[in-house]
Protein backbone atom coordinates (compact mmCIF):
# COMPACT_ATOMS: atom_id res chain seq x y z
CA UNK A 1 -122.70 -81.38 -76.74
CA UNK A 2 -122.31 -83.83 -79.53
CA UNK A 3 -121.53 -81.72 -83.10
CA UNK A 4 -123.21 -83.15 -86.10
CA UNK A 5 -120.98 -84.32 -88.72
CA UNK A 6 -121.36 -81.64 -91.16
CA UNK A 7 -120.47 -79.41 -87.89
CA UNK A 8 -117.47 -81.29 -87.15
CA UNK A 9 -116.48 -80.61 -91.22
CA UNK A 10 -117.18 -77.40 -90.85
CA UNK A 11 -114.95 -76.70 -88.23
CA UNK A 12 -112.30 -78.92 -89.20
CA UNK A 13 -112.61 -76.73 -92.66
CA UNK A 14 -111.89 -73.44 -90.37
CA UNK A 15 -108.90 -75.09 -88.37
CA UNK A 16 -107.23 -76.17 -91.81
CA UNK A 17 -107.79 -72.84 -93.73
CA UNK A 18 -106.66 -70.76 -90.73
CA UNK A 19 -103.31 -72.89 -90.49
CA UNK A 20 -102.90 -72.27 -93.98
CA UNK A 21 -103.23 -68.51 -93.79
CA UNK A 22 -100.90 -68.56 -90.68
CA UNK A 23 -98.03 -69.98 -92.40
CA UNK A 24 -98.58 -68.01 -95.86
CA UNK A 25 -99.05 -71.10 -97.69
CA UNK A 26 -101.71 -69.95 -100.22
CA UNK A 27 -101.63 -68.00 -103.73
CA UNK A 28 -104.59 -66.16 -102.64
CA UNK A 29 -105.24 -63.43 -99.95
CA UNK A 30 -107.02 -66.14 -97.70
CA UNK A 31 -107.65 -69.98 -97.70
CA UNK A 32 -110.76 -69.61 -96.54
CA UNK A 33 -113.86 -70.35 -98.45
CA UNK A 34 -112.34 -72.23 -101.23
CA UNK A 35 -110.32 -75.40 -102.03
CA UNK A 36 -106.57 -73.76 -101.38
CA UNK A 37 -104.46 -72.53 -104.35
CA UNK A 38 -101.16 -73.65 -102.19
CA UNK A 39 -97.87 -72.98 -102.66
CA UNK A 40 -96.08 -75.82 -104.22
CA UNK A 41 -98.91 -77.07 -106.46
CA UNK A 42 -96.57 -77.50 -109.44
CA UNK A 43 -93.96 -79.44 -107.33
CA UNK A 44 -97.05 -81.55 -106.41
CA UNK A 45 -98.31 -82.17 -109.64
CA UNK A 46 -94.56 -83.08 -111.18
CA UNK A 47 -94.59 -85.55 -108.17
CA UNK A 48 -97.88 -87.02 -109.21
CA UNK A 49 -96.60 -87.30 -112.67
CA UNK A 50 -93.70 -89.54 -111.70
CA UNK A 51 -96.11 -92.42 -110.31
CA UNK A 52 -96.58 -95.24 -112.74
CA UNK A 53 -100.70 -95.13 -112.64
CA UNK A 54 -100.15 -91.56 -114.16
CA UNK A 55 -97.60 -92.49 -116.58
CA UNK A 56 -99.80 -95.25 -117.93
CA UNK A 57 -102.82 -93.24 -118.07
CA UNK A 58 -104.35 -91.95 -121.26
CA UNK A 59 -107.65 -90.17 -119.58
CA UNK A 60 -107.32 -88.36 -116.68
CA UNK A 61 -110.20 -86.65 -115.05
CA UNK A 62 -109.15 -83.27 -112.76
CA UNK A 63 -111.35 -81.09 -110.86
CA UNK A 64 -111.58 -77.11 -112.11
CA UNK A 65 -109.82 -75.97 -109.16
CA UNK A 66 -107.06 -73.15 -109.70
CA UNK A 67 -104.89 -76.15 -106.82
CA UNK A 68 -104.85 -78.54 -109.94
CA UNK A 69 -104.35 -76.25 -112.60
CA UNK A 70 -100.74 -77.40 -112.74
CA UNK A 71 -102.15 -80.76 -112.96
CA UNK A 72 -104.22 -80.05 -116.01
CA UNK A 73 -101.38 -78.25 -117.86
CA UNK A 74 -98.87 -81.41 -117.12
CA UNK A 75 -101.28 -83.53 -118.63
CA UNK A 76 -102.16 -81.72 -121.65
CA UNK A 77 -98.36 -81.19 -122.16
CA UNK A 78 -97.65 -85.01 -121.96
CA UNK A 79 -100.59 -85.69 -124.37
CA UNK A 80 -102.97 -87.06 -121.95
CA UNK A 81 -106.96 -86.18 -122.66
CA UNK A 82 -108.08 -84.60 -119.75
CA UNK A 83 -112.06 -84.34 -118.41
CA UNK A 84 -113.24 -81.09 -116.39
CA UNK A 85 -116.24 -80.76 -115.05
CA UNK A 86 -118.51 -77.23 -115.73
CA UNK A 87 -117.97 -75.46 -112.85
CA UNK A 88 -120.72 -76.21 -110.34
CA UNK A 89 -122.01 -78.70 -112.86
CA UNK A 90 -123.91 -76.08 -113.79
CA UNK A 91 -124.97 -77.66 -117.34
CA UNK A 92 -126.85 -80.32 -118.63
CA UNK A 93 -123.86 -81.65 -120.64
CA UNK A 94 -121.62 -81.50 -117.41
CA UNK A 95 -118.18 -81.98 -118.75
CA UNK A 96 -115.37 -80.51 -120.79
CA UNK A 97 -113.05 -82.92 -122.93
CA UNK A 98 -109.60 -81.46 -123.50
CA UNK A 99 -107.70 -83.57 -125.95
CA UNK A 100 -104.22 -82.10 -126.83
CA UNK A 101 -104.69 -83.47 -130.35
CA UNK A 102 -107.19 -80.90 -131.06
CA UNK A 103 -106.11 -78.05 -129.14
CA UNK A 104 -104.66 -74.83 -130.97
CA UNK A 105 -103.32 -72.98 -127.80
CA UNK A 106 -100.49 -74.37 -125.37
CA UNK A 107 -100.99 -76.73 -122.77
CA UNK A 108 -101.23 -73.81 -119.85
CA UNK A 109 -103.47 -71.91 -121.65
CA UNK A 110 -105.76 -74.72 -122.24
CA UNK A 111 -105.58 -76.03 -118.64
CA UNK A 112 -106.95 -72.03 -117.44
CA UNK A 113 -110.54 -73.12 -116.30
CA UNK A 114 -111.76 -69.41 -117.50
CA UNK A 115 -110.18 -70.23 -121.21
CA UNK A 116 -111.81 -74.07 -121.38
CA UNK A 117 -115.31 -72.51 -122.51
CA UNK A 118 -113.63 -71.02 -125.10
CA UNK A 119 -111.76 -73.82 -126.72
CA UNK A 120 -113.97 -76.70 -126.30
CA UNK A 121 -118.22 -77.61 -125.57
CA UNK A 122 -119.39 -79.48 -122.60
CA UNK A 123 -120.55 -83.18 -123.24
CA UNK A 124 -122.91 -85.66 -121.25
CA UNK A 125 -121.58 -88.65 -119.55
CA UNK A 126 -122.27 -90.86 -122.23
CA UNK A 127 -119.62 -89.14 -124.42
CA UNK A 128 -117.11 -89.98 -122.22
CA UNK A 129 -114.65 -92.97 -122.01
CA UNK A 130 -113.46 -94.89 -118.85
CA UNK A 131 -111.14 -92.77 -116.93
CA UNK A 132 -107.67 -93.94 -115.79
CA UNK A 133 -106.69 -91.07 -113.05
CA UNK A 134 -109.10 -88.89 -110.81
CA UNK A 135 -107.44 -85.93 -109.35
CA UNK A 136 -109.43 -84.24 -106.85
CA UNK A 137 -108.78 -80.74 -104.69
CA UNK A 138 -109.37 -80.93 -101.26
CA UNK A 139 -109.45 -78.78 -98.04
CA UNK A 140 -108.32 -81.66 -95.39
CA UNK A 141 -107.64 -85.06 -96.03
CA UNK A 142 -106.34 -87.74 -93.60
CA UNK A 143 -104.15 -91.01 -94.04
CA UNK A 144 -106.89 -93.48 -94.85
CA UNK A 145 -108.18 -91.61 -97.78
CA UNK A 146 -110.99 -89.55 -96.18
CA UNK A 147 -111.22 -86.13 -97.85
CA UNK A 148 -113.73 -83.06 -97.70
CA UNK A 149 -113.95 -79.91 -100.09
CA UNK A 150 -115.42 -76.93 -99.21
CA UNK A 151 -118.52 -78.36 -98.83
CA UNK A 152 -120.67 -78.04 -101.78
CA UNK A 153 -120.36 -81.78 -102.80
CA UNK A 154 -119.59 -81.34 -106.44
CA UNK A 155 -116.58 -83.68 -106.27
CA UNK A 156 -118.69 -86.11 -105.22
CA UNK A 157 -121.63 -85.50 -107.27
CA UNK A 158 -119.35 -85.65 -110.31
CA UNK A 159 -117.59 -89.15 -109.27
CA UNK A 160 -120.96 -90.83 -108.65
CA UNK A 161 -121.95 -89.82 -112.22
CA UNK A 162 -118.87 -91.52 -113.73
CA UNK A 163 -119.28 -94.42 -111.32
CA UNK A 164 -122.86 -95.13 -112.09
CA UNK A 165 -121.86 -95.00 -115.71
CA UNK A 166 -118.88 -97.26 -115.45
CA UNK A 167 -116.24 -94.68 -116.34
CA UNK A 168 -114.94 -94.98 -112.81
CA UNK A 169 -114.13 -98.16 -111.71
CA UNK A 170 -112.22 -100.13 -108.97
CA UNK A 171 -109.03 -99.84 -111.31
CA UNK A 172 -109.46 -96.22 -111.41
CA UNK A 173 -106.48 -94.55 -109.36
CA UNK A 174 -107.95 -91.21 -106.98
CA UNK A 175 -105.63 -88.89 -106.00
CA UNK A 176 -105.65 -85.66 -103.95
CA UNK A 177 -102.89 -82.86 -104.33
CA UNK A 178 -102.81 -81.06 -101.31
CA UNK A 179 -100.15 -79.12 -99.07
CA UNK A 180 -98.82 -80.81 -95.84
CA UNK A 181 -101.01 -78.91 -93.86
CA UNK A 182 -103.94 -80.00 -95.41
CA UNK A 183 -103.48 -83.72 -94.38
CA UNK A 184 -104.66 -84.09 -91.07
CA UNK A 185 -104.96 -87.01 -88.29
CA UNK A 186 -108.71 -87.48 -89.02
CA UNK A 187 -111.53 -86.47 -91.30
CA UNK A 188 -115.30 -86.99 -90.72
CA UNK A 189 -117.15 -88.70 -93.56
CA UNK A 190 -120.49 -89.42 -95.07
CA UNK A 191 -121.78 -92.11 -96.97
CA UNK A 192 -121.39 -90.12 -100.06
CA UNK A 193 -117.81 -88.84 -99.68
CA UNK A 194 -115.37 -90.10 -102.13
CA UNK A 195 -112.27 -91.29 -100.64
CA UNK A 196 -108.76 -91.17 -102.50
CA UNK A 197 -106.09 -93.85 -103.03
CA UNK A 198 -103.28 -91.30 -102.90
CA UNK A 199 -102.36 -88.14 -101.44
CA UNK A 200 -99.67 -86.22 -103.15
CA UNK A 201 -98.02 -83.24 -101.47
CA UNK A 202 -94.80 -81.27 -102.82
CA UNK A 203 -92.87 -83.37 -100.70
CA UNK A 204 -94.09 -86.77 -100.73
CA UNK A 205 -96.69 -89.57 -101.86
CA UNK A 206 -98.98 -91.16 -99.19
CA UNK A 207 -100.82 -94.31 -100.31
CA UNK A 208 -104.05 -94.84 -98.24
CA UNK A 209 -105.04 -98.32 -97.21
CA UNK A 210 -108.69 -98.13 -98.39
CA UNK A 211 -110.84 -99.88 -99.05
CA UNK A 212 -112.65 -97.35 -101.16
CA UNK A 213 -116.23 -97.95 -101.57
CA UNK A 214 -117.99 -97.03 -105.14
CA UNK A 215 -119.76 -93.88 -105.39
CA UNK A 216 -123.22 -93.25 -106.24
CA UNK A 217 -125.89 -90.85 -106.32
CA UNK A 218 -127.52 -90.78 -103.04
CA UNK A 219 -131.03 -89.08 -104.14
CA UNK A 220 -132.27 -89.38 -100.17
CA UNK A 221 -129.17 -86.99 -99.25
CA UNK A 222 -129.70 -84.29 -102.17
CA UNK A 223 -131.82 -81.34 -101.11
CA UNK A 224 -134.22 -80.20 -104.11
CA UNK A 225 -132.36 -77.06 -104.53
CA UNK A 226 -129.30 -78.72 -105.44
CA UNK A 227 -130.86 -81.29 -107.79
CA UNK A 228 -132.70 -78.15 -109.28
CA UNK A 229 -129.50 -76.16 -109.44
CA UNK A 230 -127.64 -79.39 -111.31
CA UNK A 231 -129.32 -80.03 -114.71
CA UNK A 232 -127.69 -83.41 -115.08
CA UNK A 233 -129.07 -84.34 -112.05
CA UNK A 234 -132.45 -82.94 -112.59
CA UNK A 235 -132.46 -84.91 -116.05
CA UNK A 236 -131.68 -88.16 -114.43
CA UNK A 237 -134.11 -87.93 -111.73
CA UNK A 238 -136.84 -87.17 -114.32
CA UNK A 239 -135.62 -90.36 -116.35
CA UNK A 240 -136.37 -92.31 -113.07
CA UNK A 241 -139.69 -91.72 -112.46
């Protein structure tokens, strides 16, 4: 029996989560059902910060996952502005802006996603500036840059919103930080899936050959309940009608 692309993805997630659990490679009781908070996330963040693209960047967009908390903290410590999506994009203004010049708490505190709503208010896409580096969480990624998350699709939608606004361009560097066990031979993809330019593990940096296609909102692939649950999408669809 031929599996659907979504079934292929689901099976790959299960294999990677099981491998991480077997290796005791995550901070939580289990990797299953989430973007894994892998051991070595701090080392991966430091390795990322050694890259020229990072050093020259002024604005970093980072997912709100725990695995990327060290990336957010390091960016703020180095006086870079951090964009972080509202979890599950559950607000009409779907992004937070963390500006080190305006924070009254240490970077490590500001990087904690549970603290962010107490430090700043969410803004809409039109209040943001172009992004230099995007840092994604992943469940699995392959050497071509194909990646999958836990299946909700929020990272793809975030990238599409920023791309359609001209804030993610072909010069924006897209990265994922992962455990080495999350780097696999092949990741099945669909048209809406965002690819990365670089994979950063605690041990190495892997350049992906591309080419990377621009992300766009693929309305035909979005179920009605997903659009209704994401106010920024519901608003944009209403504007298109």
